[in-house]
Amino acid sequence: MILASIAIGGALGWRALAQDAPRPDAGAPTLPRSEPAKPDPVPPAPPQAAVPTPEVEDAPVAPAIGNVTSRSSEPLKRPRYGAAILQAVDKVTAQTLRFEAKVGQPVRFKGLVITVNACETTAADEEAVDSVAHLNVLSQPEGLTSAPARDAFKGWMFAQSPGAHPFAHPVYDLWLIACKAEAPSQDAPKA
């Protein structure tokens, strides 16, 4: 019942608003409308003398965008390193650890098993300076080595732009800090 009266009252109220009701400015005199101002015409530009064009037949032509060539035919190789410096955070306990992981050797941080496959820095001919590492990260609870490990991350990680290919895990964060040359072994002869 109440809804019907609101609906009817709303409709009647709308009709009352739609009708011509007396306006407060109804008794005000009307002013004549003026024509909109027309812009002044712009005078045409004076004719200019012909400028001689230089000869371009002998000038070198820039390569097309798809055919960019450099002085050397081959780009420089990226230097490879024997270890990566990584930083890991346990989000539950707020424990942070910065550690070195050698290429090819798995390292455990709590429930993560991290293997660095490659660590390299940008070459001298590249514009941006960055360290890049290829990682395999497995998620395996600490005490349960018999439990199968699950892939948590596999791919390239960038030190200068960690958001480009981030490690996403509900408990841990992991990112690359830099690449580092492997320390010489103690068995190496001293020079």
C-alpha atoms as a PDB file:
ATOM      1  CA  MET A   1       0.000   0.000   0.000  1.00  0.00           C
ATOM      2  CA  ILE A   2       2.736   2.409   0.962  1.00  0.00           C
ATOM      3  CA  LEU A   3       4.754   1.547  -2.138  1.00  0.00           C
ATOM      4  CA  ALA A   4       1.755   2.184  -4.385  1.00  0.00           C
ATOM      5  CA  SER A   5       1.181   5.632  -2.867  1.00  0.00           C
ATOM      6  CA  ILE A   6       4.878   6.508  -3.269  1.00  0.00           C
ATOM      7  CA  ALA A   7       4.803   5.386  -6.873  1.00  0.00           C
ATOM      8  CA  ILE A   8       1.606   7.341  -7.613  1.00  0.00           C
ATOM      9  CA  GLY A   9       2.825  10.394  -5.713  1.00  0.00           C
ATOM     10  CA  GLY A  10       6.145  10.210  -7.520  1.00  0.00           C
ATOM     11  CA  ALA A  11       4.411  10.075 -10.882  1.00  0.00           C
ATOM     12  CA  LEU A  12       2.063  12.942  -9.976  1.00  0.00           C
ATOM     13  CA  GLY A  13       4.960  14.957  -8.653  1.00  0.00           C
ATOM     14  CA  TRP A  14       6.817  14.471 -11.901  1.00  0.00           C
ATOM     15  CA  ARG A  15       3.819  15.651 -13.911  1.00  0.00           C
ATOM     16  CA  ALA A  16       3.492  18.739 -11.729  1.00  0.00           C
ATOM     17  CA  LEU A  17       7.115  19.590 -12.360  1.00  0.00           C
ATOM     18  CA  ALA A  18       6.738  19.009 -16.069  1.00  0.00           C
ATOM     19  CA  GLN A  19       3.844  21.504 -16.348  1.00  0.00           C
ATOM     20  CA  ASP A  20       4.548  25.163 -16.887  1.00  0.00           C
ATOM     21  CA  ALA A  21       4.633  26.526 -13.385  1.00  0.00           C
ATOM     22  CA  PRO A  22       5.084  30.229 -12.756  1.00  0.00           C
ATOM     23  CA  ARG A  23       8.786  31.032 -12.663  1.00  0.00           C
ATOM     24  CA  PRO A  24      10.335  33.700 -10.457  1.00  0.00           C
ATOM     25  CA  ASP A  25      11.695  35.531 -13.513  1.00  0.00           C
ATOM     26  CA  ALA A  26       8.353  35.425 -15.393  1.00  0.00           C
ATOM     27  CA  GLY A  27       7.691  39.149 -14.869  1.00  0.00           C
ATOM     28  CA  ALA A  28      11.212  40.249 -15.895  1.00  0.00           C
ATOM     29  CA  PRO A  29      11.489  42.106 -19.180  1.00  0.00           C
ATOM     30  CA  THR A  30      13.193  40.254 -21.994  1.00  0.00           C
ATOM     31  CA  LEU A  31      16.293  41.754 -23.553  1.00  0.00           C
ATOM     32  CA  PRO A  32      16.941  41.570 -27.276  1.00  0.00           C
ATOM     33  CA  ARG A  33      19.500  38.949 -28.229  1.00  0.00           C
ATOM     34  CA  SER A  34      22.629  40.150 -29.913  1.00  0.00           C
ATOM     35  CA  GLU A  35      24.358  38.390 -32.782  1.00  0.00           C
ATOM     36  CA  PRO A  36      27.416  36.363 -31.814  1.00  0.00           C
ATOM     37  CA  ALA A  37      30.655  38.193 -32.460  1.00  0.00           C
ATOM     38  CA  LYS A  38      32.302  37.207 -35.714  1.00  0.00           C
ATOM     39  CA  PRO A  39      36.073  36.884 -35.738  1.00  0.00           C
ATOM     40  CA  ASP A  40      38.063  39.305 -37.826  1.00  0.00           C
ATOM     41  CA  PRO A  41      39.183  37.755 -41.076  1.00  0.00           C
ATOM     42  CA  VAL A  42      42.864  36.830 -41.147  1.00  0.00           C
ATOM     43  CA  PRO A  43      44.730  38.458 -44.006  1.00  0.00           C
ATOM     44  CA  PRO A  44      46.438  35.998 -46.347  1.00  0.00           C
ATOM     45  CA  ALA A  45      50.183  35.511 -45.876  1.00  0.00           C
ATOM     46  CA  PRO A  46      52.394  37.408 -48.276  1.00  0.00           C
ATOM     47  CA  PRO A  47      53.935  35.242 -50.987  1.00  0.00           C
ATOM     48  CA  GLN A  48      57.411  34.057 -50.083  1.00  0.00           C
ATOM     49  CA  ALA A  49      60.374  33.817 -52.367  1.00  0.00           C
ATOM     50  CA  ALA A  50      61.295  30.350 -53.545  1.00  0.00           C
ATOM     51  CA  VAL A  51      64.023  28.786 -51.415  1.00  0.00           C
ATOM     52  CA  PRO A  52      66.516  26.654 -53.330  1.00  0.00           C
ATOM     53  CA  THR A  53      66.558  23.009 -52.224  1.00  0.00           C
ATOM     54  CA  PRO A  54      69.960  21.477 -51.557  1.00  0.00           C
ATOM     55  CA  GLU A  55      71.083  18.502 -53.590  1.00  0.00           C
ATOM     56  CA  VAL A  56      70.459  15.283 -51.682  1.00  0.00           C
ATOM     57  CA  GLU A  57      71.518  12.680 -54.192  1.00  0.00           C
ATOM     58  CA  ASP A  58      74.948  12.190 -52.609  1.00  0.00           C
ATOM     59  CA  ALA A  59      73.737  12.365 -48.992  1.00  0.00           C
ATOM     60  CA  PRO A  60      73.704   9.103 -46.988  1.00  0.00           C
ATOM     61  CA  VAL A  61      70.277   7.627 -46.368  1.00  0.00           C
ATOM     62  CA  ALA A  62      69.287   6.621 -42.814  1.00  0.00           C
ATOM     63  CA  PRO A  63      68.323   2.954 -42.484  1.00  0.00           C
ATOM     64  CA  ALA A  64      64.678   2.031 -42.049  1.00  0.00           C
ATOM     65  CA  ILE A  65      63.480   1.289 -38.514  1.00  0.00           C
ATOM     66  CA  GLY A  66      63.293  -2.441 -39.115  1.00  0.00           C
ATOM     67  CA  ASN A  67      66.772  -2.562 -40.645  1.00  0.00           C
ATOM     68  CA  VAL A  68      68.773  -0.812 -37.951  1.00  0.00           C
ATOM     69  CA  THR A  69      72.416  -1.644 -38.365  1.00  0.00           C
ATOM     70  CA  SER A  70      75.235  -0.938 -35.973  1.00  0.00           C
ATOM     71  CA  ARG A  71      78.935  -0.612 -36.591  1.00  0.00           C
ATOM     72  CA  SER A  72      79.597  -4.178 -35.502  1.00  0.00           C
ATOM     73  CA  SER A  73      77.567  -6.927 -37.066  1.00  0.00           C
ATOM     74  CA  GLU A  74      77.152  -8.820 -33.778  1.00  0.00           C
ATOM     75  CA  PRO A  75      76.061  -7.493 -30.370  1.00  0.00           C
ATOM     76  CA  LEU A  76      78.402  -7.865 -27.424  1.00  0.00           C
ATOM     77  CA  LYS A  77      77.933 -10.899 -25.198  1.00  0.00           C
ATOM     78  CA  ARG A  78      76.594 -10.462 -21.714  1.00  0.00           C
ATOM     79  CA  PRO A  79      79.098 -11.306 -18.989  1.00  0.00           C
ATOM     80  CA  ARG A  80      78.097 -14.364 -16.958  1.00  0.00           C
ATOM     81  CA  TYR A  81      78.794 -14.762 -13.270  1.00  0.00           C
ATOM     82  CA  GLY A  82      79.097 -17.750 -10.997  1.00  0.00           C
ATOM     83  CA  ALA A  83      76.739 -16.609  -8.239  1.00  0.00           C
ATOM     84  CA  ALA A  84      73.673 -14.470  -7.589  1.00  0.00           C
ATOM     85  CA  ILE A  85      72.959 -12.370  -4.521  1.00  0.00           C
ATOM     86  CA  LEU A  86      69.321 -12.853  -3.544  1.00  0.00           C
ATOM     87  CA  GLN A  87      67.148 -11.477  -0.775  1.00  0.00           C
ATOM     88  CA  ALA A  88      64.274 -13.423   0.737  1.00  0.00           C
ATOM     89  CA  VAL A  89      61.603 -12.411   3.238  1.00  0.00           C
ATOM     90  CA  ASP A  90      59.330 -14.596   5.328  1.00  0.00           C
ATOM     91  CA  LYS A  91      56.095 -12.580   5.387  1.00  0.00           C
ATOM     92  CA  VAL A  92      54.805 -14.348   8.516  1.00  0.00           C
ATOM     93  CA  THR A  93      57.813 -13.806  10.799  1.00  0.00           C
ATOM     94  CA  ALA A  94      59.267 -10.775   8.946  1.00  0.00           C
ATOM     95  CA  GLN A  95      62.636 -12.535   8.792  1.00  0.00           C
ATOM     96  CA  THR A  96      64.838 -11.154   6.019  1.00  0.00           C
ATOM     97  CA  LEU A  97      67.912 -12.893   4.671  1.00  0.00           C
ATOM     98  CA  ARG A  98      70.355 -11.764   1.987  1.00  0.00           C
ATOM     99  CA  PHE A  99      72.409 -14.672   0.688  1.00  0.00           C
ATOM    100  CA  GLU A 100      74.613 -15.837  -2.163  1.00  0.00           C
ATOM    101  CA  ALA A 101      73.482 -18.709  -4.361  1.00  0.00           C
ATOM    102  CA  LYS A 102      76.015 -20.331  -6.691  1.00  0.00           C
ATOM    103  CA  VAL A 103      74.913 -21.224 -10.201  1.00  0.00           C
ATOM    104  CA  GLY A 104      73.692 -24.814 -10.411  1.00  0.00           C
ATOM    105  CA  GLN A 105      73.622 -25.472  -6.642  1.00  0.00           C
ATOM    106  CA  PRO A 106      70.251 -25.519  -4.849  1.00  0.00           C
ATOM    107  CA  VAL A 107      69.917 -23.346  -1.736  1.00  0.00           C
ATOM    108  CA  ARG A 108      67.155 -23.668   0.864  1.00  0.00           C
ATOM    109  CA  PHE A 109      65.417 -20.723   2.543  1.00  0.00           C
ATOM    110  CA  LYS A 110      62.799 -22.140   4.915  1.00  0.00           C
ATOM    111  CA  GLY A 111      60.149 -23.708   2.628  1.00  0.00           C
ATOM    112  CA  LEU A 112      61.804 -22.641  -0.659  1.00  0.00           C
ATOM    113  CA  VAL A 113      64.471 -24.465  -2.651  1.00  0.00           C
ATOM    114  CA  ILE A 114      66.172 -21.973  -5.004  1.00  0.00           C
ATOM    115  CA  THR A 115      68.392 -22.950  -7.922  1.00  0.00           C
ATOM    116  CA  VAL A 116      70.134 -20.283  -9.994  1.00  0.00           C
ATOM    117  CA  ASN A 117      70.617 -21.513 -13.578  1.00  0.00           C
ATOM    118  CA  ALA A 118      72.367 -18.396 -14.908  1.00  0.00           C
ATOM    119  CA  CYS A 119      73.306 -14.933 -13.681  1.00  0.00           C
ATOM    120  CA  GLU A 120      74.443 -12.207 -16.053  1.00  0.00           C
ATOM    121  CA  THR A 121      74.665  -8.452 -16.380  1.00  0.00           C
ATOM    122  CA  THR A 122      73.873  -6.311 -19.373  1.00  0.00           C
ATOM    123  CA  ALA A 123      76.557  -5.854 -22.014  1.00  0.00           C
ATOM    124  CA  ALA A 124      78.391  -2.580 -22.566  1.00  0.00           C
ATOM    125  CA  ASP A 125      76.427  -1.825 -25.748  1.00  0.00           C
ATOM    126  CA  GLU A 126      73.036  -2.041 -23.987  1.00  0.00           C
ATOM    127  CA  GLU A 127      71.371   1.146 -22.747  1.00  0.00           C
ATOM    128  CA  ALA A 128      70.151   0.014 -19.308  1.00  0.00           C
ATOM    129  CA  VAL A 129      72.477  -1.486 -16.713  1.00  0.00           C
ATOM    130  CA  ASP A 130      70.883  -4.454 -14.969  1.00  0.00           C
ATOM    131  CA  SER A 131      71.566  -7.848 -13.430  1.00  0.00           C
ATOM    132  CA  VAL A 132      69.446 -10.732 -14.680  1.00  0.00           C
ATOM    133  CA  ALA A 133      69.174 -14.263 -13.272  1.00  0.00           C
ATOM    134  CA  HIS A 134      67.296 -17.354 -14.396  1.00  0.00           C
ATOM    135  CA  LEU A 135      65.845 -19.106 -11.342  1.00  0.00           C
ATOM    136  CA  ASN A 136      63.951 -22.269 -10.515  1.00  0.00           C
ATOM    137  CA  VAL A 137      62.170 -21.994  -7.172  1.00  0.00           C
ATOM    138  CA  LEU A 138      60.426 -24.978  -5.622  1.00  0.00           C
ATOM    139  CA  SER A 139      58.067 -24.802  -2.656  1.00  0.00           C
ATOM    140  CA  GLN A 140      58.654 -27.659  -0.232  1.00  0.00           C
ATOM    141  CA  PRO A 141      57.897 -27.558   3.514  1.00  0.00           C
ATOM    142  CA  GLU A 142      61.058 -27.702   5.657  1.00  0.00           C
ATOM    143  CA  GLY A 143      60.604 -30.980   7.532  1.00  0.00           C
ATOM    144  CA  LEU A 144      58.895 -32.850   4.709  1.00  0.00           C
ATOM    145  CA  THR A 145      61.626 -33.747   2.228  1.00  0.00           C
ATOM    146  CA  SER A 146      59.618 -36.802   1.188  1.00  0.00           C
ATOM    147  CA  ALA A 147      56.713 -34.584   0.094  1.00  0.00           C
ATOM    148  CA  PRO A 148      56.797 -33.650  -3.600  1.00  0.00           C
ATOM    149  CA  ALA A 149      58.048 -30.119  -4.271  1.00  0.00           C
ATOM    150  CA  ARG A 150      55.818 -27.766  -6.244  1.00  0.00           C
ATOM    151  CA  ASP A 151      57.059 -25.224  -8.781  1.00  0.00           C
ATOM    152  CA  ALA A 152      56.743 -21.743  -7.281  1.00  0.00           C
ATOM    153  CA  PHE A 153      58.710 -19.787  -9.896  1.00  0.00           C
ATOM    154  CA  LYS A 154      60.618 -20.496 -13.071  1.00  0.00           C
ATOM    155  CA  GLY A 155      62.024 -17.756 -15.249  1.00  0.00           C
ATOM    156  CA  TRP A 156      64.165 -14.654 -15.454  1.00  0.00           C
ATOM    157  CA  MET A 157      64.307 -12.188 -12.586  1.00  0.00           C
ATOM    158  CA  PHE A 158      65.562  -8.608 -13.047  1.00  0.00           C
ATOM    159  CA  ALA A 159      67.363  -6.687 -10.281  1.00  0.00           C
ATOM    160  CA  GLN A 160      66.457  -3.163 -11.459  1.00  0.00           C
ATOM    161  CA  SER A 161      62.814  -3.963 -12.235  1.00  0.00           C
ATOM    162  CA  PRO A 162      61.599  -6.706  -9.898  1.00  0.00           C
ATOM    163  CA  GLY A 163      57.991  -6.121 -10.953  1.00  0.00           C
ATOM    164  CA  ALA A 164      58.708  -7.158 -14.556  1.00  0.00           C
ATOM    165  CA  HIS A 165      58.584 -10.878 -13.681  1.00  0.00           C
ATOM    166  CA  PRO A 166      57.886 -11.060  -9.939  1.00  0.00           C
ATOM    167  CA  PHE A 167      58.032 -14.007  -7.590  1.00  0.00           C
ATOM    168  CA  ALA A 168      54.518 -14.493  -6.169  1.00  0.00           C
ATOM    169  CA  HIS A 169      54.123 -16.661  -3.082  1.00  0.00           C
ATOM    170  CA  PRO A 170      51.682 -16.349  -0.143  1.00  0.00           C
ATOM    171  CA  VAL A 171      54.385 -16.750   2.535  1.00  0.00           C
ATOM    172  CA  TYR A 172      57.711 -15.680   0.974  1.00  0.00           C
ATOM    173  CA  ASP A 173      59.128 -12.863  -1.142  1.00  0.00           C
ATOM    174  CA  LEU A 174      62.287 -13.286  -3.178  1.00  0.00           C
ATOM    175  CA  TRP A 175      64.182 -10.911  -5.432  1.00  0.00           C
ATOM    176  CA  LEU A 176      67.531 -10.565  -7.158  1.00  0.00           C
ATOM    177  CA  ILE A 177      70.015  -8.016  -5.807  1.00  0.00           C
ATOM    178  CA  ALA A 178      73.020  -8.520  -8.126  1.00  0.00           C
ATOM    179  CA  CYS A 179      75.290 -11.012  -9.831  1.00  0.00           C
ATOM    180  CA  LYS A 180      78.624 -11.795  -8.268  1.00  0.00           C
ATOM    181  CA  ALA A 181      81.769 -13.501  -9.466  1.00  0.00           C
ATOM    182  CA  GLU A 182      82.372 -16.769  -7.719  1.00  0.00           C
ATOM    183  CA  ALA A 183      85.057 -16.616  -5.017  1.00  0.00           C
ATOM    184  CA  PRO A 184      88.221 -18.531  -6.003  1.00  0.00           C
ATOM    185  CA  SER A 185      88.556 -21.937  -4.411  1.00  0.00           C
ATOM    186  CA  GLN A 186      91.194 -22.418  -1.694  1.00  0.00           C
ATOM    187  CA  ASP A 187      92.872 -25.167  -3.726  1.00  0.00           C
ATOM    188  CA  ALA A 188      93.860 -22.696  -6.436  1.00  0.00           C
ATOM    189  CA  PRO A 189      97.607 -22.023  -6.654  1.00  0.00           C
ATOM    190  CA  LYS A 190      98.720 -18.608  -5.414  1.00  0.00           C
ATOM    191  CA  ALA A 191     100.607 -16.481  -7.916  1.00  0.00           C
END
